[in-house]
Amino acid sequence: MLTKARQVGSAAVVAILVTVLASAPSGSLVGYHRGFLFMAIACFAATITVVATNPRTR
C-alpha cells in the first residue's frame, strides 16, 4: 500500500510541477523559480507529515 501511495504522490507532484513550468512565459526563468519554490514547499510538507505520523521508538 505504501508503494502505491508513493507512486500516486510522485505523479501528482510531477503533474503540478509541469503545470507550474508551463504557466510561465516562454523563454523566462520565472517558471523554474516557481517550480523550485513549489518543490521546496512540497519537500518541507512531506518532512513534516512523516515526522508527525511516525512516533519515535528506541
Protein backbone atom coordinates (compact mmCIF):
# COMPACT_ATOMS: atom_id res chain seq x y z
CA MET A 1 0.00 0.00 0.00
CA LEU A 2 2.84 2.39 0.80
CA THR A 3 4.39 1.86 -2.61
CA LYS A 4 1.11 2.71 -4.36
CA ALA A 5 0.68 5.86 -2.27
CA ARG A 6 4.24 6.92 -3.04
CA GLN A 7 3.68 6.46 -6.77
CA VAL A 8 0.43 8.43 -6.73
CA GLY A 9 2.07 11.21 -4.72
CA SER A 10 5.04 11.38 -7.07
CA ALA A 11 2.79 11.51 -10.14
CA ALA A 12 0.69 14.29 -8.60
CA VAL A 13 3.75 16.38 -7.70
CA VAL A 14 5.25 15.96 -11.17
CA ALA A 15 1.94 16.96 -12.78
CA ILE A 16 1.76 20.09 -10.64
CA LEU A 17 5.40 20.93 -11.39
CA VAL A 18 4.78 20.64 -15.14
CA THR A 19 1.75 22.91 -14.80
CA VAL A 20 3.81 25.48 -12.89
CA LEU A 21 6.58 25.37 -15.51
CA ALA A 22 4.10 25.64 -18.39
CA SER A 23 2.32 28.66 -16.87
CA ALA A 24 5.42 30.88 -17.15
CA PRO A 25 6.12 32.97 -20.24
CA SER A 26 8.26 31.31 -22.90
CA GLY A 27 11.98 31.92 -22.54
CA SER A 28 11.66 33.06 -18.94
CA LEU A 29 13.24 31.63 -15.82
CA VAL A 30 10.21 32.55 -13.72
CA GLY A 31 8.72 29.07 -14.20
CA TYR A 32 11.87 27.41 -12.91
CA HIS A 33 11.98 29.70 -9.89
CA ARG A 34 8.33 28.93 -9.12
CA GLY A 35 8.96 25.24 -9.70
CA PHE A 36 11.92 25.26 -7.33
CA LEU A 37 9.84 27.04 -4.70
CA PHE A 38 7.00 24.55 -5.16
CA MET A 39 9.35 21.57 -4.81
CA ALA A 40 10.91 23.07 -1.67
CA ILE A 41 7.48 23.56 -0.10
CA ALA A 42 6.39 20.05 -1.12
CA CYS A 43 9.53 18.51 0.42
CA PHE A 44 9.03 20.50 3.62
CA ALA A 45 5.38 19.39 3.82
CA ALA A 46 6.38 15.76 3.27
CA THR A 47 9.00 16.00 6.01
CA ILE A 48 6.53 17.47 8.47
CA THR A 49 3.98 14.77 7.59
CA VAL A 50 6.47 11.95 8.13
CA VAL A 51 7.71 13.38 11.41
CA ALA A 52 4.17 13.95 12.67
CA THR A 53 2.84 10.50 11.74
CA ASN A 54 5.78 8.30 12.80
CA PRO A 55 6.33 8.14 16.54
CA ARG A 56 9.89 7.83 17.75
CA THR A 57 10.86 4.42 19.07
CA ARG A 58 14.03 3.45 20.82
